[in-house]
Amino acid sequence: MTDRGQVRKVLDDLNALLAGVGGRDLYRVTEAAAVDGDRLVSAKIESRGPDGAVRRSFEAEEARFVLMAASRSLEIRLRSGSVTYLGKRTVRFLDDEHTAYLEVDPAPFRTSGNPVITLR
């Protein structure tokens, strides 16, 4: 799916779920070129601290969101990209991959119907 309106709807729905997670950082998908099956293509994601400041920003050719319901976690799996710390230092992903782990209530993610959320 490459239609900007459709991609934006998927991102808005995903960001609404991520906003309800809580925890130390708030993750938000700021951009994606397309939705290809269960993944975002050319994605940009921000991690903001409690003060609202961007702590890390990620750019990845592929982003997947895997709900591990039994462990009450969401894995944000990024491939082929980099992370920028505090807007200053950019580092390529080690072994071309990076995974962020978030503790979540699995129910809203499980029932969302969002195409980029994979259930495990």
Protein backbone atom coordinates (compact mmCIF):
# COMPACT_ATOMS: atom_id res chain seq x y z
CA MET A 1 0.00 0.00 0.00
CA THR A 2 1.59 3.24 -1.14
CA ASP A 3 -1.38 5.61 -1.12
CA ARG A 4 -0.37 8.40 1.27
CA GLY A 5 -3.80 8.58 2.88
CA GLN A 6 -3.94 4.84 3.55
CA VAL A 7 -0.37 4.75 4.89
CA ARG A 8 -1.12 7.74 7.15
CA LYS A 9 -4.22 5.94 8.53
CA VAL A 10 -2.13 2.86 9.40
CA LEU A 11 0.48 5.09 11.09
CA ASP A 12 -2.13 7.11 12.99
CA ASP A 13 -3.76 3.92 14.30
CA LEU A 14 -0.37 2.47 15.25
CA ASN A 15 0.70 5.70 16.98
CA ALA A 16 -2.55 5.76 18.98
CA LEU A 17 -1.69 2.28 20.28
CA LEU A 18 1.91 3.26 21.03
CA ALA A 19 0.73 6.38 22.89
CA GLY A 20 -1.13 4.14 25.34
CA VAL A 21 1.94 2.10 26.24
CA GLY A 22 3.47 4.38 28.86
CA GLY A 23 6.89 3.49 30.24
CA ARG A 24 10.12 5.42 30.14
CA ASP A 25 9.97 6.46 26.48
CA LEU A 26 7.15 7.14 24.06
CA TYR A 27 7.65 5.67 20.59
CA ARG A 28 6.04 7.25 17.55
CA VAL A 29 6.27 6.45 13.85
CA THR A 30 6.75 9.77 12.10
CA GLU A 31 6.97 8.55 8.52
CA ALA A 32 6.80 5.52 6.23
CA ALA A 33 6.90 5.34 2.46
CA ALA A 34 4.62 2.31 2.24
CA VAL A 35 2.97 -0.60 4.00
CA ASP A 36 4.04 -3.93 2.52
CA GLY A 37 2.11 -6.77 4.13
CA ASP A 38 3.05 -6.75 7.82
CA ARG A 39 5.89 -4.23 7.58
CA LEU A 40 6.55 -0.56 7.09
CA VAL A 41 8.94 0.43 4.32
CA SER A 42 11.42 3.30 4.77
CA ALA A 43 10.23 4.09 8.27
CA LYS A 44 11.22 6.86 10.66
CA ILE A 45 10.52 6.37 14.35
CA GLU A 46 11.13 8.64 17.34
CA SER A 47 11.65 7.77 20.98
CA ARG A 48 10.79 10.67 23.31
CA GLY A 49 11.53 10.98 27.00
CA PRO A 50 9.11 12.10 29.74
CA ASP A 51 9.98 15.74 28.99
CA GLY A 52 8.88 15.30 25.36
CA ALA A 53 12.39 15.72 23.96
CA VAL A 54 13.55 13.32 21.25
CA ARG A 55 16.07 10.93 22.83
CA ARG A 56 16.59 8.71 19.81
CA SER A 57 15.42 8.70 16.22
CA PHE A 58 15.52 5.64 14.01
CA GLU A 59 15.57 5.32 10.24
CA ALA A 60 15.08 1.85 8.80
CA GLU A 61 14.34 0.32 5.45
CA GLU A 62 11.97 -2.07 7.22
CA ALA A 63 10.02 -1.89 10.50
CA ARG A 64 7.98 -4.73 11.96
CA PHE A 65 5.85 -4.70 15.11
CA VAL A 66 5.59 -8.10 16.79
CA LEU A 67 3.21 -8.58 19.72
CA MET A 68 4.44 -11.25 22.12
CA ALA A 69 1.17 -11.63 24.03
CA ALA A 70 2.42 -14.25 26.51
CA SER A 71 5.25 -11.99 27.69
CA ARG A 72 3.11 -8.83 27.39
CA SER A 73 5.63 -7.17 25.12
CA LEU A 74 5.84 -5.51 21.74
CA GLU A 75 9.01 -5.85 19.72
CA ILE A 76 9.78 -3.09 17.25
CA ARG A 77 12.12 -4.84 14.83
CA LEU A 78 14.10 -2.55 12.56
CA ARG A 79 16.32 -3.61 9.68
CA SER A 80 18.84 -1.80 7.50
CA GLY A 81 19.16 1.55 9.17
CA SER A 82 20.57 3.72 11.90
CA VAL A 83 19.82 5.35 15.23
CA THR A 84 20.59 8.97 16.08
CA TYR A 85 21.11 9.77 19.77
CA LEU A 86 19.90 13.15 21.04
CA GLY A 87 19.98 14.47 17.48
CA LYS A 88 23.78 14.39 17.45
CA ARG A 89 25.43 11.01 17.03
CA THR A 90 24.28 8.58 14.32
CA VAL A 91 25.23 4.91 14.44
CA ARG A 92 24.36 2.14 11.96
CA PHE A 93 22.48 -0.82 13.42
CA LEU A 94 24.78 -3.57 14.69
CA ASP A 95 24.47 -6.55 12.32
CA ASP A 96 22.04 -4.36 10.34
CA GLU A 97 19.23 -4.90 12.88
CA HIS A 98 17.84 -3.22 16.00
CA THR A 99 14.98 -4.29 18.26
CA ALA A 100 13.21 -2.15 20.86
CA TYR A 101 11.20 -3.98 23.53
CA LEU A 102 8.14 -2.36 25.07
CA GLU A 103 6.00 -3.71 27.91
CA VAL A 104 2.37 -3.49 26.77
CA ASP A 105 -1.18 -4.52 27.52
CA PRO A 106 -1.61 -6.94 24.60
CA ALA A 107 -5.42 -6.58 24.31
CA PRO A 108 -5.60 -3.30 22.34
CA PHE A 109 -2.85 -4.44 19.97
CA ARG A 110 -4.44 -7.86 19.47
CA THR A 111 -7.84 -6.43 18.59
CA SER A 112 -6.67 -3.39 16.60
CA GLY A 113 -6.68 -5.03 13.18
CA ASN A 114 -3.64 -2.96 12.26
CA PRO A 115 -1.92 -4.74 9.34
CA VAL A 116 1.62 -4.12 10.59
CA ILE A 117 1.10 -5.79 13.97
CA THR A 118 2.05 -9.46 13.94
CA LEU A 119 0.78 -11.68 16.77
CA ARG A 120 3.09 -14.31 18.28
